[in-house]
PDB file of N, CA and C in Angstrom:
ATOM      1  N   UNK A   1      53.971 -33.651  98.889  1.00  0.00           N
ATOM      2  CA  UNK A   1      53.696 -33.520  97.472  1.00  0.00           C
ATOM      3  C   UNK A   1      52.595 -32.488  97.220  1.00  0.00           C
ATOM      4  N   UNK A   2      51.559 -32.492  98.051  1.00  0.00           N
ATOM      5  CA  UNK A   2      50.484 -31.523  97.882  1.00  0.00           C
ATOM      6  C   UNK A   2      50.989 -30.095  98.044  1.00  0.00           C
ATOM      7  N   UNK A   3      51.887 -29.888  99.003  1.00  0.00           N
ATOM      8  CA  UNK A   3      52.431 -28.546  99.224  1.00  0.00           C
ATOM      9  C   UNK A   3      53.179 -28.069  97.989  1.00  0.00           C
ATOM     10  N   UNK A   4      53.993 -28.923  97.416  1.00  0.00           N
ATOM     11  CA  UNK A   4      54.755 -28.548  96.219  1.00  0.00           C
ATOM     12  C   UNK A   4      53.811 -28.209  95.066  1.00  0.00           C
ATOM     13  N   UNK A   5      52.775 -28.999  94.890  1.00  0.00           N
ATOM     14  CA  UNK A   5      51.821 -28.741  93.802  1.00  0.00           C
ATOM     15  C   UNK A   5      51.125 -27.390  94.002  1.00  0.00           C
ATOM     16  N   UNK A   6      50.704 -27.110  95.226  1.00  0.00           N
ATOM     17  CA  UNK A   6      50.041 -25.833  95.506  1.00  0.00           C
ATOM     18  C   UNK A   6      51.002 -24.675  95.282  1.00  0.00           C
ATOM     19  N   UNK A   7      52.245 -24.802  95.762  1.00  0.00           N
ATOM     20  CA  UNK A   7      53.227 -23.727  95.593  1.00  0.00           C
ATOM     21  C   UNK A   7      53.504 -23.465  94.110  1.00  0.00           C
ATOM     22  N   UNK A   8      53.608 -24.526  93.319  1.00  0.00           N
ATOM     23  CA  UNK A   8      53.839 -24.362  91.881  1.00  0.00           C
ATOM     24  C   UNK A   8      52.667 -23.618  91.244  1.00  0.00           C
ATOM     25  N   UNK A   9      51.446 -24.011  91.598  1.00  0.00           N
ATOM     26  CA  UNK A   9      50.265 -23.322  91.067  1.00  0.00           C
ATOM     27  C   UNK A   9      50.253 -21.855  91.478  1.00  0.00           C
ATOM     28  N   UNK A  10      50.604 -21.586  92.738  1.00  0.00           N
ATOM     29  CA  UNK A  10      50.655 -20.195  93.201  1.00  0.00           C
ATOM     30  C   UNK A  10      51.682 -19.387  92.416  1.00  0.00           C
ATOM     31  N   UNK A  11      52.840 -19.961  92.194  1.00  0.00           N
ATOM     32  CA  UNK A  11      53.885 -19.245  91.447  1.00  0.00           C
ATOM     33  C   UNK A  11      53.450 -18.983  90.009  1.00  0.00           C
ATOM     34  N   UNK A  12      52.803 -19.945  89.391  1.00  0.00           N
ATOM     35  CA  UNK A  12      52.291 -19.733  88.028  1.00  0.00           C
ATOM     36  C   UNK A  12      51.282 -18.591  88.010  1.00  0.00           C
ATOM     37  N   UNK A  13      50.431 -18.569  89.014  1.00  0.00           N
ATOM     38  CA  UNK A  13      49.439 -17.501  89.106  1.00  0.00           C
ATOM     39  C   UNK A  13      50.104 -16.147  89.277  1.00  0.00           C
ATOM     40  N   UNK A  14      51.141 -16.097  90.091  1.00  0.00           N
ATOM     41  CA  UNK A  14      51.850 -14.832  90.315  1.00  0.00           C
ATOM     42  C   UNK A  14      52.498 -14.333  89.033  1.00  0.00           C
ATOM     43  N   UNK A  15      53.087 -15.246  88.274  1.00  0.00           N
ATOM     44  CA  UNK A  15      53.689 -14.872  86.996  1.00  0.00           C
ATOM     45  C   UNK A  15      52.604 -14.353  86.062  1.00  0.00           C
ATOM     46  N   UNK A  16      51.489 -15.053  86.003  1.00  0.00           N
ATOM     47  CA  UNK A  16      50.383 -14.613  85.153  1.00  0.00           C
ATOM     48  C   UNK A  16      49.895 -13.243  85.591  1.00  0.00           C
ATOM     49  N   UNK A  17      49.757 -13.042  86.883  1.00  0.00           N
ATOM     50  CA  UNK A  17      49.299 -11.770  87.437  1.00  0.00           C
ATOM     51  C   UNK A  17      50.243 -10.634  87.051  1.00  0.00           C
ATOM     52  N   UNK A  18      51.543 -10.900  87.069  1.00  0.00           N
ATOM     53  CA  UNK A  18      52.534  -9.879  86.745  1.00  0.00           C
ATOM     54  C   UNK A  18      52.659  -9.640  85.244  1.00  0.00           C
ATOM     55  N   UNK A  19      52.343 -10.649  84.449  1.00  0.00           N
ATOM     56  CA  UNK A  19      52.551 -10.572  83.011  1.00  0.00           C
ATOM     57  C   UNK A  19      51.335 -10.078  82.238  1.00  0.00           C
ATOM     58  N   UNK A  20      50.182 -10.283  82.798  1.00  0.00           N
ATOM     59  CA  UNK A  20      48.929  -9.978  82.110  1.00  0.00           C
ATOM     60  C   UNK A  20      48.103  -9.087  83.027  1.00  0.00           C
ATOM     61  N   UNK A  21      46.927  -8.736  82.604  1.00  0.00           N
ATOM     62  CA  UNK A  21      46.047  -7.942  83.440  1.00  0.00           C
ATOM     63  C   UNK A  21      45.731  -8.694  84.737  1.00  0.00           C
ATOM     64  N   UNK A  22      45.853  -8.000  85.846  1.00  0.00           N
ATOM     65  CA  UNK A  22      45.625  -8.619  87.150  1.00  0.00           C
ATOM     66  C   UNK A  22      44.223  -9.219  87.247  1.00  0.00           C
ATOM     67  N   UNK A  23      43.224  -8.533  86.734  1.00  0.00           N
ATOM     68  CA  UNK A  23      41.845  -9.025  86.812  1.00  0.00           C
ATOM     69  C   UNK A  23      41.701 -10.392  86.145  1.00  0.00           C
ATOM     70  N   UNK A  24      42.473 -10.636  85.088  1.00  0.00           N
ATOM     71  CA  UNK A  24      42.392 -11.911  84.379  1.00  0.00           C
ATOM     72  C   UNK A  24      43.003 -13.062  85.170  1.00  0.00           C
ATOM     73  N   UNK A  25      43.801 -12.754  86.184  1.00  0.00           N
ATOM     74  CA  UNK A  25      44.431 -13.808  86.971  1.00  0.00           C
ATOM     75  C   UNK A  25      43.542 -14.310  88.097  1.00  0.00           C
ATOM     76  N   UNK A  26      42.464 -13.596  88.391  1.00  0.00           N
ATOM     77  CA  UNK A  26      41.613 -13.959  89.531  1.00  0.00           C
ATOM     78  C   UNK A  26      41.090 -15.396  89.442  1.00  0.00           C
ATOM     79  N   UNK A  27      40.523 -15.825  88.330  1.00  0.00           N
ATOM     80  CA  UNK A  27      39.998 -17.203  88.300  1.00  0.00           C
ATOM     81  C   UNK A  27      41.064 -18.272  88.539  1.00  0.00           C
ATOM     82  N   UNK A  28      42.287 -18.045  88.067  1.00  0.00           N
ATOM     83  CA  UNK A  28      43.299 -19.095  88.229  1.00  0.00           C
ATOM     84  C   UNK A  28      43.895 -19.128  89.636  1.00  0.00           C
ATOM     85  N   UNK A  29      43.768 -18.059  90.416  1.00  0.00           N
ATOM     86  CA  UNK A  29      44.233 -18.089  91.805  1.00  0.00           C
ATOM     87  C   UNK A  29      43.329 -18.956  92.674  1.00  0.00           C
ATOM     88  N   UNK A  30      42.109 -19.146  92.242  1.00  0.00           N
ATOM     89  CA  UNK A  30      41.173 -19.935  93.043  1.00  0.00           C
ATOM     90  C   UNK A  30      41.562 -21.412  93.076  1.00  0.00           C
ATOM     91  N   UNK A  31      42.219 -21.919  92.035  1.00  0.00           N
ATOM     92  CA  UNK A  31      42.626 -23.330  92.012  1.00  0.00           C
ATOM     93  C   UNK A  31      43.603 -23.675  93.137  1.00  0.00           C
ATOM     94  N   UNK A  32      44.713 -22.942  93.269  1.00  0.00           N
ATOM     95  CA  UNK A  32      45.619 -23.298  94.370  1.00  0.00           C
ATOM     96  C   UNK A  32      44.987 -23.053  95.743  1.00  0.00           C
ATOM     97  N   UNK A  33      44.123 -22.056  95.851  1.00  0.00           N
ATOM     98  CA  UNK A  33      43.485 -21.797  97.144  1.00  0.00           C
ATOM     99  C   UNK A  33      42.581 -22.965  97.524  1.00  0.00           C
ATOM    100  N   UNK A  34      41.778 -23.446  96.579  1.00  0.00           N
ATOM    101  CA  UNK A  34      40.892 -24.570  96.863  1.00  0.00           C
ATOM    102  C   UNK A  34      41.686 -25.829  97.205  1.00  0.00           C
ATOM    103  N   UNK A  35      42.743 -26.089  96.451  1.00  0.00           N
ATOM    104  CA  UNK A  35      43.584 -27.261  96.715  1.00  0.00           C
ATOM    105  C   UNK A  35      44.251 -27.151  98.080  1.00  0.00           C
ATOM    106  N   UNK A  36      44.734 -25.978  98.421  1.00  0.00           N
ATOM    107  CA  UNK A  36      45.369 -25.767  99.730  1.00  0.00           C
ATOM    108  C   UNK A  36      44.364 -26.001 100.856  1.00  0.00           C
ATOM    109  N   UNK A  37      43.166 -25.513 100.692  1.00  0.00           N
ATOM    110  CA  UNK A  37      42.139 -25.706 101.723  1.00  0.00           C
ATOM    111  C   UNK A  37      41.785 -27.180 101.863  1.00  0.00           C
ATOM    112  N   UNK A  38      41.703 -27.906 100.757  1.00  0.00           N
ATOM    113  CA  UNK A  38      41.375 -29.334 100.791  1.00  0.00           C
ATOM    114  C   UNK A  38      42.404 -30.134 101.584  1.00  0.00           C
ATOM    115  N   UNK A  39      43.653 -29.692 101.530  1.00  0.00           N
ATOM    116  CA  UNK A  39      44.741 -30.434 102.177  1.00  0.00           C
ATOM    117  C   UNK A  39      45.224 -29.758 103.463  1.00  0.00           C
ATOM    118  N   UNK A  40      44.424 -28.826 103.987  1.00  0.00           N
ATOM    119  CA  UNK A  40      44.739 -28.133 105.248  1.00  0.00           C
ATOM    120  C   UNK A  40      46.101 -27.445 105.208  1.00  0.00           C
ATOM    121  N   UNK A  41      46.432 -26.859 104.076  1.00  0.00           N
ATOM    122  CA  UNK A  41      47.675 -26.113 103.922  1.00  0.00           C
ATOM    123  C   UNK A  41      47.350 -24.630 104.121  1.00  0.00           C
ATOM    124  N   UNK A  42      47.159 -24.266 105.391  1.00  0.00           N
ATOM    125  CA  UNK A  42      46.671 -22.933 105.717  1.00  0.00           C
ATOM    126  C   UNK A  42      47.547 -21.818 105.163  1.00  0.00           C
ATOM    127  N   UNK A  43      48.847 -21.963 105.278  1.00  0.00           N
ATOM    128  CA  UNK A  43      49.741 -20.910 104.805  1.00  0.00           C
ATOM    129  C   UNK A  43      49.557 -20.657 103.308  1.00  0.00           C
ATOM    130  N   UNK A  44      49.431 -21.717 102.546  1.00  0.00           N
ATOM    131  CA  UNK A  44      49.235 -21.575 101.096  1.00  0.00           C
ATOM    132  C   UNK A  44      47.850 -21.009 100.782  1.00  0.00           C
ATOM    133  N   UNK A  45      46.839 -21.417 101.541  1.00  0.00           N
ATOM    134  CA  UNK A  45      45.491 -20.886 101.321  1.00  0.00           C
ATOM    135  C   UNK A  45      45.465 -19.391 101.625  1.00  0.00           C
ATOM    136  N   UNK A  46      46.143 -18.988 102.686  1.00  0.00           N
ATOM    137  CA  UNK A  46      46.211 -17.563 103.032  1.00  0.00           C
ATOM    138  C   UNK A  46      46.974 -16.802 101.950  1.00  0.00           C
ATOM    139  N   UNK A  47      48.057 -17.374 101.470  1.00  0.00           N
ATOM    140  CA  UNK A  47      48.843 -16.743 100.403  1.00  0.00           C
ATOM    141  C   UNK A  47      47.974 -16.534  99.160  1.00  0.00           C
ATOM    142  N   UNK A  48      47.216 -17.553  98.776  1.00  0.00           N
ATOM    143  CA  UNK A  48      46.359 -17.440  97.594  1.00  0.00           C
ATOM    144  C   UNK A  48      45.286 -16.374  97.789  1.00  0.00           C
ATOM    145  N   UNK A  49      44.653 -16.356  98.959  1.00  0.00           N
ATOM    146  CA  UNK A  49      43.631 -15.331  99.227  1.00  0.00           C
ATOM    147  C   UNK A  49      44.256 -13.938  99.219  1.00  0.00           C
ATOM    148  N   UNK A  50      45.474 -13.833  99.756  1.00  0.00           N
ATOM    149  CA  UNK A  50      46.207 -12.562  99.739  1.00  0.00           C
ATOM    150  C   UNK A  50      46.445 -12.102  98.301  1.00  0.00           C
ATOM    151  N   UNK A  51      46.860 -13.022  97.444  1.00  0.00           N
ATOM    152  CA  UNK A  51      47.110 -12.675  96.047  1.00  0.00           C
ATOM    153  C   UNK A  51      45.803 -12.320  95.325  1.00  0.00           C
ATOM    154  N   UNK A  52      44.719 -12.976  95.690  1.00  0.00           N
ATOM    155  CA  UNK A  52      43.425 -12.598  95.127  1.00  0.00           C
ATOM    156  C   UNK A  52      43.070 -11.178  95.550  1.00  0.00           C
ATOM    157  N   UNK A  53      43.417 -10.825  96.773  1.00  0.00           N
ATOM    158  CA  UNK A  53      43.194  -9.459  97.244  1.00  0.00           C
ATOM    159  C   UNK A  53      44.001  -8.442  96.472  1.00  0.00           C
ATOM    160  N   UNK A  54      45.177  -8.834  96.016  1.00  0.00           N
ATOM    161  CA  UNK A  54      46.015  -7.936  95.218  1.00  0.00           C
ATOM    162  C   UNK A  54      45.461  -7.813  93.786  1.00  0.00           C
ATOM    163  N   UNK A  55      45.043  -8.943  93.224  1.00  0.00           N
ATOM    164  CA  UNK A  55      44.570  -8.947  91.841  1.00  0.00           C
ATOM    165  C   UNK A  55      43.201  -8.273  91.691  1.00  0.00           C
ATOM    166  N   UNK A  56      42.361  -8.434  92.698  1.00  0.00           N
ATOM    167  CA  UNK A  56      41.010  -7.854  92.636  1.00  0.00           C
ATOM    168  C   UNK A  56      41.066  -6.363  92.944  1.00  0.00           C
ATOM    169  N   UNK A  57      39.994  -5.698  92.679  1.00  0.00           N
ATOM    170  CA  UNK A  57      39.917  -4.258  92.914  1.00  0.00           C
ATOM    171  C   UNK A  57      38.747  -3.932  93.835  1.00  0.00           C
ATOM    172  N   UNK A  58      38.831  -2.807  94.525  1.00  0.00           N
ATOM    173  CA  UNK A  58      37.737  -2.281  95.327  1.00  0.00           C
ATOM    174  C   UNK A  58      37.262  -3.211  96.433  1.00  0.00           C
ATOM    175  N   UNK A  59      35.944  -3.347  96.530  1.00  0.00           N
ATOM    176  CA  UNK A  59      35.342  -4.159  97.584  1.00  0.00           C
ATOM    177  C   UNK A  59      35.743  -5.623  97.490  1.00  0.00           C
ATOM    178  N   UNK A  60      35.888  -6.127  96.268  1.00  0.00           N
ATOM    179  CA  UNK A  60      36.290  -7.521  96.095  1.00  0.00           C
ATOM    180  C   UNK A  60      37.682  -7.750  96.688  1.00  0.00           C
ATOM    181  N   UNK A  61      38.578  -6.814  96.500  1.00  0.00           N
ATOM    182  CA  UNK A  61      39.917  -6.901  97.083  1.00  0.00           C
ATOM    183  C   UNK A  61      39.838  -6.973  98.598  1.00  0.00           C
ATOM    184  N   UNK A  62      39.029  -6.104  99.176  1.00  0.00           N
ATOM    185  CA  UNK A  62      38.877  -6.085 100.628  1.00  0.00           C
ATOM    186  C   UNK A  62      38.298  -7.404 101.134  1.00  0.00           C
ATOM    187  N   UNK A  63      37.316  -7.961 100.427  1.00  0.00           N
ATOM    188  CA  UNK A  63      36.706  -9.238 100.848  1.00  0.00           C
ATOM    189  C   UNK A  63      37.727 -10.364 100.838  1.00  0.00           C
ATOM    190  N   UNK A  64      38.581 -10.413  99.811  1.00  0.00           N
ATOM    191  CA  UNK A  64      39.598 -11.471  99.769  1.00  0.00           C
ATOM    192  C   UNK A  64      40.598 -11.312 100.910  1.00  0.00           C
ATOM    193  N   UNK A  65      40.979 -10.080 101.188  1.00  0.00           N
ATOM    194  CA  UNK A  65      41.892  -9.854 102.305  1.00  0.00           C
ATOM    195  C   UNK A  65      41.251 -10.234 103.637  1.00  0.00           C
ATOM    196  N   UNK A  66      39.963  -9.946 103.799  1.00  0.00           N
ATOM    197  CA  UNK A  66      39.260 -10.352 105.021  1.00  0.00           C
ATOM    198  C   UNK A  66      39.231 -11.871 105.165  1.00  0.00           C
ATOM    199  N   UNK A  67      38.987 -12.583 104.060  1.00  0.00           N
ATOM    200  CA  UNK A  67      39.003 -14.048 104.091  1.00  0.00           C
ATOM    201  C   UNK A  67      40.385 -14.561 104.499  1.00  0.00           C
ATOM    202  N   UNK A  68      41.410 -13.936 103.960  1.00  0.00           N
ATOM    203  CA  UNK A  68      42.776 -14.340 104.311  1.00  0.00           C
ATOM    204  C   UNK A  68      43.046 -14.093 105.793  1.00  0.00           C
ATOM    205  N   UNK A  69      42.597 -12.953 106.321  1.00  0.00           N
ATOM    206  CA  UNK A  69      42.787 -12.639 107.743  1.00  0.00           C
ATOM    207  C   UNK A  69      42.082 -13.679 108.605  1.00  0.00           C
ATOM    208  N   UNK A  70      40.834 -13.985 108.279  1.00  0.00           N
ATOM    209  CA  UNK A  70      40.083 -14.967 109.077  1.00  0.00           C
ATOM    210  C   UNK A  70      40.765 -16.325 109.068  1.00  0.00           C
ATOM    211  N   UNK A  71      41.253 -16.726 107.909  1.00  0.00           N
ATOM    212  CA  UNK A  71      41.932 -18.028 107.795  1.00  0.00           C
ATOM    213  C   UNK A  71      43.212 -18.028 108.624  1.00  0.00           C
ATOM    214  N   UNK A  72      43.986 -16.967 108.525  1.00  0.00           N
ATOM    215  CA  UNK A  72      45.248 -16.881 109.276  1.00  0.00           C
ATOM    216  C   UNK A  72      44.998 -16.829 110.777  1.00  0.00           C
ATOM    217  N   UNK A  73      44.007 -16.064 111.198  1.00  0.00           N
ATOM    218  CA  UNK A  73      43.708 -15.953 112.626  1.00  0.00           C
ATOM    219  C   UNK A  73      43.227 -17.276 113.215  1.00  0.00           C
ATOM    220  N   UNK A  74      42.543 -18.080 112.423  1.00  0.00           N
ATOM    221  CA  UNK A  74      42.016 -19.354 112.903  1.00  0.00           C
ATOM    222  C   UNK A  74      43.033 -20.492 112.820  1.00  0.00           C
ATOM    223  N   UNK A  75      44.139 -20.257 112.165  1.00  0.00           N
ATOM    224  CA  UNK A  75      45.110 -21.314 111.910  1.00  0.00           C
ATOM    225  C   UNK A  75      46.061 -21.538 113.082  1.00  0.00           C
ATOM    226  N   UNK A  76      46.498 -22.773 113.195  1.00  0.00           N
ATOM    227  CA  UNK A  76      47.561 -23.126 114.152  1.00  0.00           C
ATOM    228  C   UNK A  76      48.919 -23.171 113.457  1.00  0.00           C
ATOM    229  N   UNK A  77      48.905 -22.973 112.147  1.00  0.00           N
ATOM    230  CA  UNK A  77      50.125 -22.979 111.337  1.00  0.00           C
ATOM    231  C   UNK A  77      50.848 -21.643 111.521  1.00  0.00           C
ATOM    232  N   UNK A  78      52.038 -21.697 112.067  1.00  0.00           N
ATOM    233  CA  UNK A  78      52.810 -20.480 112.329  1.00  0.00           C
ATOM    234  C   UNK A  78      53.049 -19.672 111.060  1.00  0.00           C
ATOM    235  N   UNK A  79      53.269 -20.367 109.942  1.00  0.00           N
ATOM    236  CA  UNK A  79      53.506 -19.661 108.675  1.00  0.00           C
ATOM    237  C   UNK A  79      52.263 -18.906 108.217  1.00  0.00           C
ATOM    238  N   UNK A  80      51.089 -19.470 108.469  1.00  0.00           N
ATOM    239  CA  UNK A  80      49.851 -18.764 108.124  1.00  0.00           C
ATOM    240  C   UNK A  80      49.690 -17.527 108.996  1.00  0.00           C
ATOM    241  N   UNK A  81      50.031 -17.654 110.263  1.00  0.00           N
ATOM    242  CA  UNK A  81      49.903 -16.524 111.199  1.00  0.00           C
ATOM    243  C   UNK A  81      50.852 -15.384 110.840  1.00  0.00           C
ATOM    244  N   UNK A  82      51.977 -15.696 110.215  1.00  0.00           N
ATOM    245  CA  UNK A  82      52.931 -14.650 109.831  1.00  0.00           C
ATOM    246  C   UNK A  82      52.386 -13.745 108.731  1.00  0.00           C
ATOM    247  N   UNK A  83      51.314 -14.152 108.082  1.00  0.00           N
ATOM    248  CA  UNK A  83      50.673 -13.320 107.069  1.00  0.00           C
ATOM    249  C   UNK A  83      49.858 -12.200 107.687  1.00  0.00           C
ATOM    250  N   UNK A  84      49.577 -12.274 108.982  1.00  0.00           N
ATOM    251  CA  UNK A  84      48.660 -11.313 109.584  1.00  0.00           C
ATOM    252  C   UNK A  84      49.149  -9.859 109.477  1.00  0.00           C
ATOM    253  N   UNK A  85      50.408  -9.595 109.666  1.00  0.00           N
ATOM    254  CA  UNK A  85      50.924  -8.221 109.551  1.00  0.00           C
ATOM    255  C   UNK A  85      50.614  -7.604 108.192  1.00  0.00           C
ATOM    256  N   UNK A  86      51.039  -8.245 107.104  1.00  0.00           N
ATOM    257  CA  UNK A  86      50.726  -7.692 105.787  1.00  0.00           C
ATOM    258  C   UNK A  86      49.225  -7.613 105.503  1.00  0.00           C
ATOM    259  N   UNK A  87      48.488  -8.594 105.990  1.00  0.00           N
ATOM    260  CA  UNK A  87      47.041  -8.586 105.735  1.00  0.00           C
ATOM    261  C   UNK A  87      46.348  -7.466 106.514  1.00  0.00           C
ATOM    262  N   UNK A  88      46.765  -7.242 107.757  1.00  0.00           N
ATOM    263  CA  UNK A  88      46.196  -6.130 108.506  1.00  0.00           C
ATOM    264  C   UNK A  88      46.525  -4.809 107.820  1.00  0.00           C
ATOM    265  N   UNK A  89      47.715  -4.715 107.277  1.00  0.00           N
ATOM    266  CA  UNK A  89      48.114  -3.512 106.563  1.00  0.00           C
ATOM    267  C   UNK A  89      47.241  -3.308 105.323  1.00  0.00           C
ATOM    268  N   UNK A  90      46.980  -4.391 104.614  1.00  0.00           N
ATOM    269  CA  UNK A  90      46.155  -4.313 103.398  1.00  0.00           C
ATOM    270  C   UNK A  90      44.719  -3.909 103.699  1.00  0.00           C
ATOM    271  N   UNK A  91      44.224  -4.295 104.848  1.00  0.00           N
ATOM    272  CA  UNK A  91      42.831  -3.992 105.185  1.00  0.00           C
ATOM    273  C   UNK A  91      42.693  -2.761 106.057  1.00  0.00           C
ATOM    274  N   UNK A  92      43.837  -2.217 106.514  1.00  0.00           N
ATOM    275  CA  UNK A  92      43.857  -1.083 107.433  1.00  0.00           C
ATOM    276  C   UNK A  92      43.194   0.097 106.888  1.00  0.00           C
TER     277      UNK A  92
END
């Protein structure tokens, strides 16, 4: 149930990010990321941090991508680890 709730929140954030100014979506991406971290849903937490990296600009974008990389690298969740390719590309 927690996974479904986090995924729904992430999808809502993505729609908001695509429909409105990306900068305005940053605060709402933090909700699914925090919930995912609370429930050890590494893949969802990495996804949220990745999306924060997309929505943010400049140094803030890089910091979010670095957080996502660290989370994915430390995870035992195979789905979280699959984010590493795109995240390395984003920070490359």
